[in-house]
């Protein structure tokens, strides 16, 4: 499920990048970096990879990926509909 969420958001951002713009205001570099981190964590955990390093396991795990990806989809849909 997480892999599908990450892949669909990556595809949506690639096909329609204007979905990240709200009323002429573009997302900041930090926000885009956070979105890319969530996408990376979604792909890593979604394919079933479990890093040996404890820190990487936390940083690329589902507890990081789910909230960021859900927030990313929420912002994308909100910006797309407005």
N, C-alpha and C. Protein backbone atom coordinates (compact mmCIF):
# COMPACT_ATOMS: atom_id res chain seq x y z
N UNK A 1 0.82 -1.19 0.00
CA UNK A 1 0.00 0.00 0.00
C UNK A 1 0.87 1.26 0.00
N UNK A 2 1.92 1.23 0.79
CA UNK A 2 2.81 2.40 0.87
C UNK A 2 3.54 2.63 -0.44
N UNK A 3 3.93 1.56 -1.11
CA UNK A 3 4.59 1.68 -2.40
C UNK A 3 3.65 2.30 -3.43
N UNK A 4 2.41 1.91 -3.43
CA UNK A 4 1.42 2.47 -4.36
C UNK A 4 1.20 3.95 -4.09
N UNK A 5 1.14 4.33 -2.82
CA UNK A 5 0.96 5.73 -2.45
C UNK A 5 2.16 6.57 -2.90
N UNK A 6 3.37 6.07 -2.67
CA UNK A 6 4.58 6.79 -3.07
C UNK A 6 4.68 6.88 -4.59
N UNK A 7 4.40 5.80 -5.29
CA UNK A 7 4.50 5.80 -6.74
C UNK A 7 3.45 6.71 -7.37
N UNK A 8 2.26 6.71 -6.84
CA UNK A 8 1.21 7.57 -7.41
C UNK A 8 1.51 9.05 -7.18
N UNK A 9 2.04 9.39 -6.00
CA UNK A 9 2.39 10.79 -5.75
C UNK A 9 3.57 11.21 -6.61
N UNK A 10 4.56 10.35 -6.77
CA UNK A 10 5.70 10.67 -7.63
C UNK A 10 5.24 10.87 -9.07
N UNK A 11 4.33 10.03 -9.54
CA UNK A 11 3.80 10.17 -10.89
C UNK A 11 2.99 11.45 -11.04
N UNK A 12 2.16 11.76 -10.05
CA UNK A 12 1.35 12.98 -10.10
C UNK A 12 2.22 14.23 -10.13
N UNK A 13 3.26 14.26 -9.32
CA UNK A 13 4.15 15.43 -9.28
C UNK A 13 4.95 15.53 -10.56
N UNK A 14 5.32 14.40 -11.16
CA UNK A 14 6.07 14.41 -12.41
C UNK A 14 5.20 14.86 -13.58
N UNK A 15 3.97 14.36 -13.65
CA UNK A 15 3.08 14.67 -14.76
C UNK A 15 2.50 16.07 -14.63
N UNK A 16 2.12 16.49 -13.43
CA UNK A 16 1.49 17.78 -13.23
C UNK A 16 2.17 18.52 -12.07
N UNK A 17 3.35 19.09 -12.29
CA UNK A 17 4.06 19.77 -11.20
C UNK A 17 3.37 21.03 -10.70
N UNK A 18 2.46 21.58 -11.48
CA UNK A 18 1.73 22.76 -11.01
C UNK A 18 0.81 22.44 -9.84
N UNK A 19 0.61 21.18 -9.57
CA UNK A 19 -0.18 20.79 -8.41
C UNK A 19 0.50 21.15 -7.09
N UNK A 20 1.76 21.53 -7.16
CA UNK A 20 2.49 21.93 -5.95
C UNK A 20 2.46 23.44 -5.74
N UNK A 21 1.78 24.17 -6.64
CA UNK A 21 1.69 25.63 -6.55
C UNK A 21 0.30 26.00 -6.07
N UNK A 22 0.22 26.87 -5.08
CA UNK A 22 -1.07 27.32 -4.55
C UNK A 22 -1.15 28.82 -4.67
N UNK A 23 -2.07 29.31 -5.48
CA UNK A 23 -2.29 30.74 -5.69
C UNK A 23 -1.00 31.47 -6.03
N UNK A 24 -0.20 30.88 -6.90
CA UNK A 24 1.04 31.51 -7.36
C UNK A 24 2.22 31.37 -6.41
N UNK A 25 2.01 30.73 -5.27
CA UNK A 25 3.09 30.54 -4.30
C UNK A 25 3.65 29.13 -4.46
N UNK A 26 4.93 29.05 -4.78
CA UNK A 26 5.59 27.76 -5.00
C UNK A 26 6.09 27.23 -3.66
N UNK A 27 6.10 25.91 -3.52
CA UNK A 27 6.64 25.30 -2.29
C UNK A 27 8.11 25.66 -2.15
N UNK A 28 8.55 25.83 -0.92
CA UNK A 28 9.95 26.16 -0.67
C UNK A 28 10.84 24.94 -0.89
N UNK A 29 12.12 25.19 -0.93
CA UNK A 29 13.09 24.12 -1.13
C UNK A 29 13.01 23.10 0.02
N UNK A 30 12.83 23.59 1.22
CA UNK A 30 12.73 22.71 2.38
C UNK A 30 11.50 21.81 2.31
N UNK A 31 10.37 22.37 1.87
CA UNK A 31 9.15 21.58 1.75
C UNK A 31 9.29 20.52 0.67
N UNK A 32 9.91 20.88 -0.44
CA UNK A 32 10.13 19.90 -1.50
C UNK A 32 11.10 18.81 -1.07
N UNK A 33 12.12 19.20 -0.30
CA UNK A 33 13.06 18.20 0.22
C UNK A 33 12.35 17.23 1.16
N UNK A 34 11.45 17.74 1.98
CA UNK A 34 10.68 16.89 2.89
C UNK A 34 9.79 15.94 2.09
N UNK A 35 9.18 16.44 1.02
CA UNK A 35 8.36 15.60 0.16
C UNK A 35 9.19 14.50 -0.49
N UNK A 36 10.39 14.84 -0.96
CA UNK A 36 11.27 13.84 -1.57
C UNK A 36 11.72 12.80 -0.55
N UNK A 37 11.95 13.23 0.69
CA UNK A 37 12.31 12.30 1.75
C UNK A 37 11.16 11.32 1.98
N UNK A 38 9.94 11.84 2.02
CA UNK A 38 8.78 10.97 2.19
C UNK A 38 8.61 9.99 1.05
N UNK A 39 8.85 10.47 -0.18
CA UNK A 39 8.78 9.59 -1.34
C UNK A 39 9.85 8.50 -1.25
N UNK A 40 11.05 8.89 -0.88
CA UNK A 40 12.13 7.91 -0.74
C UNK A 40 11.81 6.88 0.32
N UNK A 41 11.33 7.34 1.46
CA UNK A 41 10.98 6.41 2.54
C UNK A 41 9.84 5.49 2.10
N UNK A 42 8.89 6.03 1.35
CA UNK A 42 7.79 5.21 0.86
C UNK A 42 8.27 4.12 -0.10
N UNK A 43 9.18 4.48 -0.99
CA UNK A 43 9.72 3.49 -1.92
C UNK A 43 10.56 2.44 -1.19
N UNK A 44 11.42 2.88 -0.28
CA UNK A 44 12.30 1.95 0.43
C UNK A 44 11.49 0.97 1.26
N UNK A 45 10.57 1.48 2.06
CA UNK A 45 9.78 0.58 2.90
C UNK A 45 8.75 -0.18 2.06
N UNK A 46 8.25 0.44 1.01
CA UNK A 46 7.24 -0.20 0.18
C UNK A 46 7.73 -1.44 -0.55
N UNK A 47 9.00 -1.44 -0.94
CA UNK A 47 9.53 -2.63 -1.62
C UNK A 47 9.98 -3.70 -0.63
N UNK A 48 9.96 -3.36 0.66
CA UNK A 48 10.28 -4.35 1.68
C UNK A 48 11.72 -4.33 2.15
N UNK A 49 12.48 -3.30 1.78
CA UNK A 49 13.87 -3.22 2.20
C UNK A 49 13.93 -2.77 3.65
N UNK A 50 14.73 -3.45 4.45
CA UNK A 50 14.89 -3.11 5.86
C UNK A 50 16.38 -2.87 6.12
N UNK A 51 16.79 -1.60 6.23
CA UNK A 51 18.21 -1.31 6.43
C UNK A 51 18.74 -1.90 7.74
N UNK A 52 20.01 -2.27 7.75
CA UNK A 52 20.63 -2.80 8.96
C UNK A 52 20.91 -1.70 9.98
N UNK A 53 21.23 -0.52 9.47
CA UNK A 53 21.53 0.62 10.35
C UNK A 53 20.24 1.08 11.04
N UNK A 54 20.30 1.23 12.35
CA UNK A 54 19.12 1.62 13.12
C UNK A 54 18.58 2.98 12.71
N UNK A 55 19.47 3.94 12.47
CA UNK A 55 19.04 5.30 12.10
C UNK A 55 18.36 5.31 10.74
N UNK A 56 18.91 4.58 9.78
CA UNK A 56 18.29 4.51 8.47
C UNK A 56 16.95 3.79 8.53
N UNK A 57 16.85 2.80 9.39
CA UNK A 57 15.59 2.09 9.55
C UNK A 57 14.50 3.04 10.05
N UNK A 58 14.87 3.95 10.94
CA UNK A 58 13.90 4.94 11.45
C UNK A 58 13.61 5.99 10.39
N UNK A 59 14.67 6.54 9.76
CA UNK A 59 14.49 7.63 8.80
C UNK A 59 13.79 7.20 7.51
N UNK A 60 13.87 5.93 7.16
CA UNK A 60 13.24 5.43 5.94
C UNK A 60 12.11 4.47 6.24
N UNK A 61 11.57 4.55 7.44
CA UNK A 61 10.51 3.63 7.86
C UNK A 61 9.12 4.19 7.64
N UNK A 62 8.12 3.40 7.96
CA UNK A 62 6.73 3.79 7.71
C UNK A 62 6.24 4.93 8.60
N UNK A 63 6.83 5.09 9.79
CA UNK A 63 6.38 6.17 10.67
C UNK A 63 6.75 7.55 10.13
N UNK A 64 7.75 7.60 9.28
CA UNK A 64 8.12 8.84 8.61
C UNK A 64 7.37 8.95 7.29
N UNK A 65 7.28 7.86 6.56
CA UNK A 65 6.73 7.89 5.19
C UNK A 65 5.23 8.20 5.17
N UNK A 66 4.45 7.53 5.99
CA UNK A 66 3.00 7.71 5.93
C UNK A 66 2.57 9.15 6.15
N UNK A 67 2.98 9.81 7.23
CA UNK A 67 2.50 11.19 7.43
C UNK A 67 2.95 12.14 6.32
N UNK A 68 4.18 12.01 5.85
CA UNK A 68 4.67 12.91 4.81
C UNK A 68 3.94 12.68 3.50
N UNK A 69 3.73 11.43 3.12
CA UNK A 69 3.03 11.13 1.87
C UNK A 69 1.56 11.55 1.93
N UNK A 70 0.92 11.33 3.04
CA UNK A 70 -0.47 11.77 3.18
C UNK A 70 -0.58 13.29 3.13
N UNK A 71 0.36 13.97 3.77
CA UNK A 71 0.38 15.44 3.70
C UNK A 71 0.66 15.90 2.27
N UNK A 72 1.58 15.23 1.59
CA UNK A 72 1.89 15.58 0.21
C UNK A 72 0.69 15.43 -0.70
N UNK A 73 -0.04 14.31 -0.55
CA UNK A 73 -1.24 14.12 -1.36
C UNK A 73 -2.31 15.15 -1.02
N UNK A 74 -2.45 15.46 0.26
CA UNK A 74 -3.43 16.46 0.68
C UNK A 74 -3.13 17.81 0.05
N UNK A 75 -1.87 18.23 0.10
CA UNK A 75 -1.49 19.51 -0.51
C UNK A 75 -1.65 19.48 -2.03
N UNK A 76 -1.29 18.38 -2.65
CA UNK A 76 -1.40 18.27 -4.10
C UNK A 76 -2.86 18.37 -4.53
N UNK A 77 -3.75 17.63 -3.88
CA UNK A 77 -5.16 17.64 -4.25
C UNK A 77 -5.76 19.02 -3.96
N UNK A 78 -5.43 19.61 -2.83
CA UNK A 78 -5.96 20.94 -2.49
C UNK A 78 -5.53 21.96 -3.52
N UNK A 79 -4.26 21.94 -3.93
CA UNK A 79 -3.77 22.89 -4.92
C UNK A 79 -4.34 22.61 -6.30
N UNK A 80 -4.53 21.37 -6.61
CA UNK A 80 -5.06 20.99 -7.93
C UNK A 80 -6.50 21.44 -8.08
N UNK A 81 -7.29 21.32 -7.01
CA UNK A 81 -8.71 21.68 -7.07
C UNK A 81 -8.96 23.17 -6.98
N UNK A 82 -7.99 23.93 -6.50
CA UNK A 82 -8.23 25.38 -6.37
C UNK A 82 -7.72 26.16 -7.55
